[in-house]
N, C-alpha and C. Protein backbone atom coordinates (compact mmCIF):
# COMPACT_ATOMS: atom_id res chain seq x y z
N MET A 1 18.93 -30.30 -5.69
CA MET A 1 18.21 -29.16 -6.22
C MET A 1 17.39 -28.53 -5.10
N THR A 2 17.52 -27.23 -4.92
CA THR A 2 16.77 -26.55 -3.88
C THR A 2 15.46 -26.01 -4.43
N ARG A 3 14.47 -26.07 -3.57
CA ARG A 3 13.14 -25.59 -3.94
C ARG A 3 13.07 -24.10 -3.68
N LYS A 4 12.53 -23.37 -4.63
CA LYS A 4 12.35 -21.92 -4.49
C LYS A 4 11.16 -21.66 -3.56
N PRO A 5 11.33 -20.78 -2.55
CA PRO A 5 10.21 -20.54 -1.62
C PRO A 5 9.06 -19.82 -2.31
N SER A 6 7.84 -20.14 -1.87
CA SER A 6 6.67 -19.44 -2.41
C SER A 6 6.66 -18.02 -1.86
N LEU A 7 5.78 -17.21 -2.40
CA LEU A 7 5.71 -15.81 -1.95
C LEU A 7 5.40 -15.72 -0.47
N THR A 8 4.53 -16.58 0.03
CA THR A 8 4.19 -16.51 1.45
C THR A 8 5.26 -17.12 2.32
N GLU A 9 6.15 -17.92 1.76
CA GLU A 9 7.26 -18.48 2.53
C GLU A 9 8.41 -17.50 2.65
N LYS A 10 8.44 -16.52 1.80
CA LYS A 10 9.51 -15.53 1.82
C LYS A 10 9.21 -14.52 2.91
N LYS A 11 9.70 -14.79 4.10
CA LYS A 11 9.42 -13.94 5.26
C LYS A 11 10.34 -12.73 5.25
N ILE A 12 9.83 -11.63 5.74
CA ILE A 12 10.62 -10.42 5.90
C ILE A 12 11.40 -10.56 7.21
N ASN A 13 12.70 -10.32 7.18
CA ASN A 13 13.54 -10.53 8.35
C ASN A 13 13.38 -9.46 9.43
N LYS A 14 13.49 -8.21 9.07
CA LYS A 14 13.37 -7.16 10.08
C LYS A 14 11.90 -6.84 10.31
N GLN A 15 11.61 -6.12 11.38
CA GLN A 15 10.22 -5.73 11.64
C GLN A 15 9.84 -4.60 10.68
N THR A 16 9.13 -4.96 9.68
CA THR A 16 8.71 -4.04 8.64
C THR A 16 7.28 -3.62 8.90
N SER A 17 6.97 -2.35 8.62
CA SER A 17 5.59 -1.91 8.81
C SER A 17 5.06 -1.25 7.54
N VAL A 18 3.79 -1.47 7.31
CA VAL A 18 3.09 -0.92 6.16
C VAL A 18 1.85 -0.20 6.66
N ASP A 19 1.67 1.04 6.23
CA ASP A 19 0.45 1.78 6.53
C ASP A 19 -0.54 1.52 5.41
N ILE A 20 -1.75 1.15 5.80
CA ILE A 20 -2.82 0.88 4.85
C ILE A 20 -3.88 1.96 5.05
N VAL A 21 -4.21 2.66 3.96
CA VAL A 21 -5.25 3.68 4.02
C VAL A 21 -6.38 3.19 3.12
N ALA A 22 -7.44 2.69 3.76
CA ALA A 22 -8.55 2.13 3.00
C ALA A 22 -9.84 2.30 3.77
N SER A 23 -10.86 2.78 3.09
CA SER A 23 -12.18 2.91 3.71
C SER A 23 -12.96 1.60 3.63
N ASP A 24 -12.62 0.77 2.66
CA ASP A 24 -13.29 -0.51 2.43
C ASP A 24 -12.75 -1.56 3.42
N GLU A 25 -13.62 -2.03 4.31
CA GLU A 25 -13.19 -2.99 5.33
C GLU A 25 -12.74 -4.32 4.74
N VAL A 26 -13.31 -4.72 3.61
CA VAL A 26 -12.90 -5.96 2.96
C VAL A 26 -11.45 -5.85 2.49
N ILE A 27 -11.11 -4.70 1.90
CA ILE A 27 -9.73 -4.46 1.46
C ILE A 27 -8.80 -4.43 2.65
N GLN A 28 -9.18 -3.74 3.71
CA GLN A 28 -8.36 -3.69 4.92
C GLN A 28 -8.02 -5.10 5.40
N LYS A 29 -9.04 -5.94 5.53
CA LYS A 29 -8.84 -7.30 6.05
C LYS A 29 -7.96 -8.13 5.12
N LYS A 30 -8.23 -8.06 3.83
CA LYS A 30 -7.45 -8.86 2.87
C LYS A 30 -5.97 -8.47 2.91
N VAL A 31 -5.70 -7.17 2.92
CA VAL A 31 -4.31 -6.71 2.92
C VAL A 31 -3.61 -7.09 4.23
N VAL A 32 -4.28 -6.87 5.35
CA VAL A 32 -3.69 -7.22 6.65
C VAL A 32 -3.41 -8.72 6.72
N ASP A 33 -4.37 -9.54 6.31
CA ASP A 33 -4.19 -11.00 6.35
C ASP A 33 -3.02 -11.44 5.48
N LEU A 34 -2.92 -10.89 4.28
CA LEU A 34 -1.83 -11.28 3.38
C LEU A 34 -0.47 -10.85 3.91
N LEU A 35 -0.38 -9.63 4.40
CA LEU A 35 0.92 -9.14 4.87
C LEU A 35 1.35 -9.83 6.17
N SER A 36 0.40 -10.27 6.96
CA SER A 36 0.77 -10.99 8.18
C SER A 36 1.42 -12.33 7.85
N LEU A 37 1.11 -12.89 6.69
CA LEU A 37 1.74 -14.14 6.27
C LEU A 37 3.25 -14.00 6.06
N ILE A 38 3.69 -12.80 5.75
CA ILE A 38 5.12 -12.58 5.54
C ILE A 38 5.72 -11.68 6.63
N ASN A 39 5.08 -11.73 7.81
CA ASN A 39 5.58 -11.05 9.02
C ASN A 39 5.68 -9.53 8.90
N ILE A 40 4.76 -8.92 8.20
CA ILE A 40 4.76 -7.46 8.09
C ILE A 40 3.71 -6.89 9.03
N LYS A 41 4.15 -5.95 9.85
CA LYS A 41 3.24 -5.25 10.77
C LYS A 41 2.44 -4.23 9.96
N THR A 42 1.15 -4.14 10.24
CA THR A 42 0.30 -3.21 9.50
C THR A 42 -0.36 -2.20 10.44
N ASN A 43 -0.57 -1.01 9.92
CA ASN A 43 -1.29 0.05 10.62
C ASN A 43 -2.43 0.47 9.69
N ILE A 44 -3.65 0.38 10.18
CA ILE A 44 -4.80 0.71 9.34
C ILE A 44 -5.28 2.13 9.63
N HIS A 45 -5.57 2.85 8.56
CA HIS A 45 -6.16 4.19 8.63
C HIS A 45 -7.42 4.13 7.78
N VAL A 46 -8.56 4.47 8.36
CA VAL A 46 -9.83 4.33 7.66
C VAL A 46 -10.11 5.45 6.66
N ASN A 47 -9.30 6.50 6.72
CA ASN A 47 -9.44 7.58 5.74
C ASN A 47 -8.13 8.37 5.67
N GLY A 48 -8.07 9.29 4.74
CA GLY A 48 -6.86 10.08 4.55
C GLY A 48 -6.53 10.97 5.73
N SER A 49 -7.54 11.56 6.32
CA SER A 49 -7.32 12.47 7.46
C SER A 49 -6.66 11.74 8.62
N SER A 50 -7.04 10.50 8.84
CA SER A 50 -6.45 9.69 9.91
C SER A 50 -4.95 9.55 9.73
N LEU A 51 -4.52 9.28 8.50
CA LEU A 51 -3.08 9.16 8.23
C LEU A 51 -2.39 10.51 8.36
N LEU A 52 -2.99 11.55 7.83
CA LEU A 52 -2.36 12.87 7.87
C LEU A 52 -2.14 13.35 9.32
N LYS A 53 -3.05 13.03 10.21
CA LYS A 53 -2.90 13.43 11.62
C LYS A 53 -1.71 12.75 12.28
N LYS A 54 -1.45 11.51 11.88
CA LYS A 54 -0.41 10.73 12.54
C LYS A 54 0.90 10.67 11.75
N LYS A 55 0.90 11.16 10.55
CA LYS A 55 2.03 10.94 9.65
C LYS A 55 3.37 11.42 10.21
N ARG A 56 3.38 12.48 10.95
CA ARG A 56 4.66 12.99 11.45
C ARG A 56 5.31 12.04 12.44
N ARG A 57 4.51 11.19 13.07
CA ARG A 57 5.05 10.24 14.04
C ARG A 57 5.26 8.86 13.46
N LEU A 58 4.74 8.60 12.29
CA LEU A 58 4.83 7.28 11.69
C LEU A 58 6.06 7.16 10.81
N LYS A 59 6.65 6.01 10.87
CA LYS A 59 7.82 5.75 10.02
C LYS A 59 7.62 4.40 9.34
N SER A 60 6.67 4.35 8.44
CA SER A 60 6.40 3.09 7.77
C SER A 60 7.38 2.87 6.61
N ASP A 61 7.49 1.60 6.22
CA ASP A 61 8.38 1.22 5.13
C ASP A 61 7.67 1.26 3.78
N CYS A 62 6.33 1.31 3.82
CA CYS A 62 5.54 1.28 2.60
C CYS A 62 4.14 1.80 2.91
N LEU A 63 3.50 2.39 1.92
CA LEU A 63 2.10 2.83 2.04
C LEU A 63 1.27 2.09 1.00
N ILE A 64 0.09 1.69 1.41
CA ILE A 64 -0.89 1.15 0.47
C ILE A 64 -2.13 2.04 0.61
N ILE A 65 -2.52 2.67 -0.49
CA ILE A 65 -3.62 3.64 -0.45
C ILE A 65 -4.71 3.22 -1.43
N GLU A 66 -5.93 3.12 -0.93
CA GLU A 66 -7.08 2.88 -1.79
C GLU A 66 -7.40 4.19 -2.50
N THR A 67 -7.75 4.13 -3.77
CA THR A 67 -7.96 5.37 -4.53
C THR A 67 -9.22 6.11 -4.14
N ARG A 68 -10.22 5.41 -3.66
CA ARG A 68 -11.48 6.06 -3.26
C ARG A 68 -11.66 5.91 -1.76
N LEU A 69 -11.35 6.99 -1.05
CA LEU A 69 -11.50 7.01 0.40
C LEU A 69 -12.77 7.76 0.76
N ASP A 70 -13.24 7.59 1.99
CA ASP A 70 -14.47 8.26 2.42
C ASP A 70 -14.34 9.78 2.44
N ASP A 71 -13.13 10.28 2.72
CA ASP A 71 -13.00 11.74 2.89
C ASP A 71 -12.22 12.44 1.78
N MET A 72 -11.53 11.71 0.94
CA MET A 72 -10.78 12.33 -0.16
C MET A 72 -10.34 11.26 -1.15
N ARG A 73 -9.90 11.69 -2.30
CA ARG A 73 -9.33 10.74 -3.27
C ARG A 73 -7.93 10.36 -2.80
N GLY A 74 -7.56 9.12 -3.04
CA GLY A 74 -6.24 8.65 -2.65
C GLY A 74 -5.12 9.46 -3.28
N ILE A 75 -5.34 9.91 -4.50
CA ILE A 75 -4.32 10.72 -5.18
C ILE A 75 -4.10 12.04 -4.46
N MET A 76 -5.18 12.65 -3.96
CA MET A 76 -5.05 13.91 -3.21
C MET A 76 -4.26 13.68 -1.92
N LEU A 77 -4.52 12.57 -1.25
CA LEU A 77 -3.78 12.22 -0.05
C LEU A 77 -2.29 12.09 -0.37
N PHE A 78 -1.98 11.40 -1.44
CA PHE A 78 -0.59 11.19 -1.84
C PHE A 78 0.10 12.52 -2.15
N LYS A 79 -0.59 13.41 -2.84
CA LYS A 79 -0.03 14.73 -3.14
C LYS A 79 0.28 15.50 -1.85
N LYS A 80 -0.62 15.42 -0.87
CA LYS A 80 -0.39 16.08 0.41
C LYS A 80 0.82 15.48 1.13
N LEU A 81 0.93 14.17 1.08
CA LEU A 81 2.07 13.51 1.73
C LEU A 81 3.39 13.90 1.08
N LEU A 82 3.38 14.02 -0.24
CA LEU A 82 4.60 14.40 -0.95
C LEU A 82 5.09 15.78 -0.53
N VAL A 83 4.16 16.68 -0.22
CA VAL A 83 4.50 18.03 0.23
C VAL A 83 4.93 18.01 1.70
N MET A 84 4.20 17.27 2.53
CA MET A 84 4.44 17.26 3.98
C MET A 84 5.68 16.48 4.40
N CYS A 85 5.95 15.40 3.71
CA CYS A 85 6.99 14.47 4.15
C CYS A 85 8.22 14.54 3.27
N LYS A 86 9.34 14.62 3.91
CA LYS A 86 10.61 14.66 3.18
C LYS A 86 10.85 13.35 2.43
N ASN A 87 10.59 12.25 3.10
CA ASN A 87 10.81 10.93 2.51
C ASN A 87 9.53 10.11 2.55
N THR A 88 8.68 10.31 1.57
CA THR A 88 7.44 9.53 1.50
C THR A 88 7.81 8.09 1.16
N PRO A 89 7.29 7.12 1.94
CA PRO A 89 7.62 5.72 1.67
C PRO A 89 7.12 5.27 0.30
N PRO A 90 7.70 4.20 -0.24
CA PRO A 90 7.19 3.65 -1.51
C PRO A 90 5.68 3.41 -1.36
N THR A 91 4.94 3.79 -2.38
CA THR A 91 3.48 3.77 -2.27
C THR A 91 2.86 2.92 -3.37
N ILE A 92 1.88 2.13 -2.95
CA ILE A 92 1.11 1.27 -3.84
C ILE A 92 -0.34 1.74 -3.77
N PHE A 93 -0.98 1.88 -4.92
CA PHE A 93 -2.39 2.25 -4.95
C PHE A 93 -3.23 1.02 -5.29
N ILE A 94 -4.40 0.95 -4.66
CA ILE A 94 -5.39 -0.07 -5.00
C ILE A 94 -6.57 0.66 -5.62
N GLY A 95 -6.81 0.39 -6.91
CA GLY A 95 -7.84 1.10 -7.66
C GLY A 95 -9.22 0.55 -7.43
N ALA A 96 -10.19 1.46 -7.48
CA ALA A 96 -11.57 1.12 -7.18
C ALA A 96 -12.27 0.35 -8.29
N ARG A 97 -11.79 0.52 -9.50
CA ARG A 97 -12.48 -0.16 -10.60
C ARG A 97 -11.50 -0.45 -11.73
N PRO A 98 -11.75 -1.54 -12.46
CA PRO A 98 -10.92 -1.84 -13.62
C PRO A 98 -11.07 -0.75 -14.68
N GLY A 99 -10.04 -0.56 -15.46
CA GLY A 99 -10.10 0.40 -16.55
C GLY A 99 -9.79 1.83 -16.15
N SER A 100 -9.26 2.03 -14.97
CA SER A 100 -8.92 3.38 -14.51
C SER A 100 -7.52 3.75 -15.00
N ILE A 101 -7.33 3.73 -16.29
CA ILE A 101 -6.00 3.94 -16.87
C ILE A 101 -5.46 5.33 -16.56
N ASN A 102 -6.28 6.35 -16.71
CA ASN A 102 -5.80 7.71 -16.43
C ASN A 102 -5.38 7.86 -14.97
N GLU A 103 -6.16 7.28 -14.08
CA GLU A 103 -5.84 7.32 -12.66
C GLU A 103 -4.53 6.58 -12.37
N ALA A 104 -4.36 5.44 -12.97
CA ALA A 104 -3.13 4.67 -12.78
C ALA A 104 -1.92 5.44 -13.29
N ILE A 105 -2.04 6.05 -14.45
CA ILE A 105 -0.94 6.83 -15.03
C ILE A 105 -0.59 7.99 -14.11
N GLU A 106 -1.61 8.68 -13.60
CA GLU A 106 -1.36 9.82 -12.72
C GLU A 106 -0.61 9.39 -11.45
N THR A 107 -1.00 8.27 -10.85
CA THR A 107 -0.33 7.83 -9.63
C THR A 107 1.14 7.48 -9.89
N ILE A 108 1.39 6.84 -11.00
CA ILE A 108 2.77 6.46 -11.35
C ILE A 108 3.60 7.71 -11.64
N LYS A 109 3.03 8.67 -12.35
CA LYS A 109 3.75 9.93 -12.62
C LYS A 109 4.10 10.67 -11.33
N LEU A 110 3.25 10.55 -10.32
CA LEU A 110 3.51 11.20 -9.04
C LEU A 110 4.57 10.47 -8.22
N GLY A 111 4.88 9.23 -8.60
CA GLY A 111 5.92 8.51 -7.90
C GLY A 111 5.51 7.21 -7.24
N ALA A 112 4.25 6.81 -7.39
CA ALA A 112 3.84 5.52 -6.84
C ALA A 112 4.58 4.40 -7.56
N ILE A 113 4.82 3.31 -6.84
CA ILE A 113 5.54 2.21 -7.48
C ILE A 113 4.63 1.21 -8.18
N ASP A 114 3.34 1.23 -7.81
CA ASP A 114 2.41 0.31 -8.47
C ASP A 114 0.98 0.78 -8.29
N TYR A 115 0.13 0.32 -9.20
CA TYR A 115 -1.30 0.57 -9.16
C TYR A 115 -1.95 -0.78 -9.41
N ILE A 116 -2.69 -1.25 -8.43
CA ILE A 116 -3.33 -2.57 -8.52
C ILE A 116 -4.84 -2.37 -8.60
N GLU A 117 -5.45 -2.99 -9.60
CA GLU A 117 -6.90 -2.89 -9.75
C GLU A 117 -7.60 -3.95 -8.91
N LYS A 118 -8.76 -3.56 -8.34
CA LYS A 118 -9.61 -4.51 -7.64
C LYS A 118 -10.43 -5.26 -8.69
N PRO A 119 -10.72 -6.50 -8.49
CA PRO A 119 -10.18 -7.38 -7.45
C PRO A 119 -8.75 -7.77 -7.79
N PHE A 120 -7.93 -7.97 -6.78
CA PHE A 120 -6.52 -8.31 -7.01
C PHE A 120 -6.20 -9.66 -6.39
N SER A 121 -5.18 -10.28 -6.94
CA SER A 121 -4.76 -11.58 -6.41
C SER A 121 -3.77 -11.38 -5.26
N SER A 122 -3.68 -12.38 -4.43
CA SER A 122 -2.73 -12.37 -3.32
C SER A 122 -1.31 -12.21 -3.84
N ARG A 123 -1.01 -12.96 -4.88
CA ARG A 123 0.33 -12.93 -5.48
C ARG A 123 0.68 -11.53 -5.96
N ARG A 124 -0.27 -10.87 -6.60
CA ARG A 124 -0.01 -9.52 -7.13
C ARG A 124 0.33 -8.54 -6.01
N LEU A 125 -0.43 -8.58 -4.93
CA LEU A 125 -0.18 -7.66 -3.82
C LEU A 125 1.16 -7.95 -3.15
N ILE A 126 1.43 -9.21 -2.86
CA ILE A 126 2.67 -9.56 -2.17
C ILE A 126 3.88 -9.25 -3.05
N THR A 127 3.77 -9.49 -4.34
CA THR A 127 4.86 -9.15 -5.25
C THR A 127 5.12 -7.64 -5.25
N SER A 128 4.07 -6.86 -5.27
CA SER A 128 4.20 -5.41 -5.27
C SER A 128 4.82 -4.91 -3.96
N VAL A 129 4.38 -5.45 -2.84
CA VAL A 129 4.94 -5.06 -1.54
C VAL A 129 6.41 -5.45 -1.46
N ASN A 130 6.75 -6.64 -1.92
CA ASN A 130 8.17 -7.04 -1.91
C ASN A 130 9.01 -6.10 -2.79
N LEU A 131 8.47 -5.67 -3.90
CA LEU A 131 9.15 -4.71 -4.76
C LEU A 131 9.35 -3.39 -4.02
N ALA A 132 8.30 -2.93 -3.34
CA ALA A 132 8.38 -1.66 -2.59
C ALA A 132 9.42 -1.74 -1.48
N LEU A 133 9.53 -2.89 -0.86
CA LEU A 133 10.46 -3.06 0.25
C LEU A 133 11.87 -3.43 -0.21
N GLY A 134 12.01 -3.68 -1.50
CA GLY A 134 13.32 -4.04 -2.03
C GLY A 134 13.78 -5.44 -1.61
N THR A 135 12.79 -6.33 -1.40
CA THR A 135 13.14 -7.70 -0.99
C THR A 135 12.98 -8.68 -2.11
């Protein structure tokens, strides 16, 4: 009988990159630490403007966007990306507070693949990223 690998044992084979847009340093660190466990390269953007400036040169496999950024709402950033980019990567939102049902519905209607409320578990984030990457 073979043992099923845990989420952190399931390594990504190719060099995969994820752009993280988060103003909260705690969220940045948690996401980077978790994704490094499965060999995912991360690029941190401290606000929406930072990502928008570099977006034309970036080719990430997934986006993780915090809903409350220092310079704009995460949903507004996502709407801008949908207009600017022909192929916006699969996007996961991290919500600022529990009970943000309307916000979660709006992000999904716009095309996000998941909306995760803070605080979130490691398993929840890794499962969502694996879903976004199709692994």
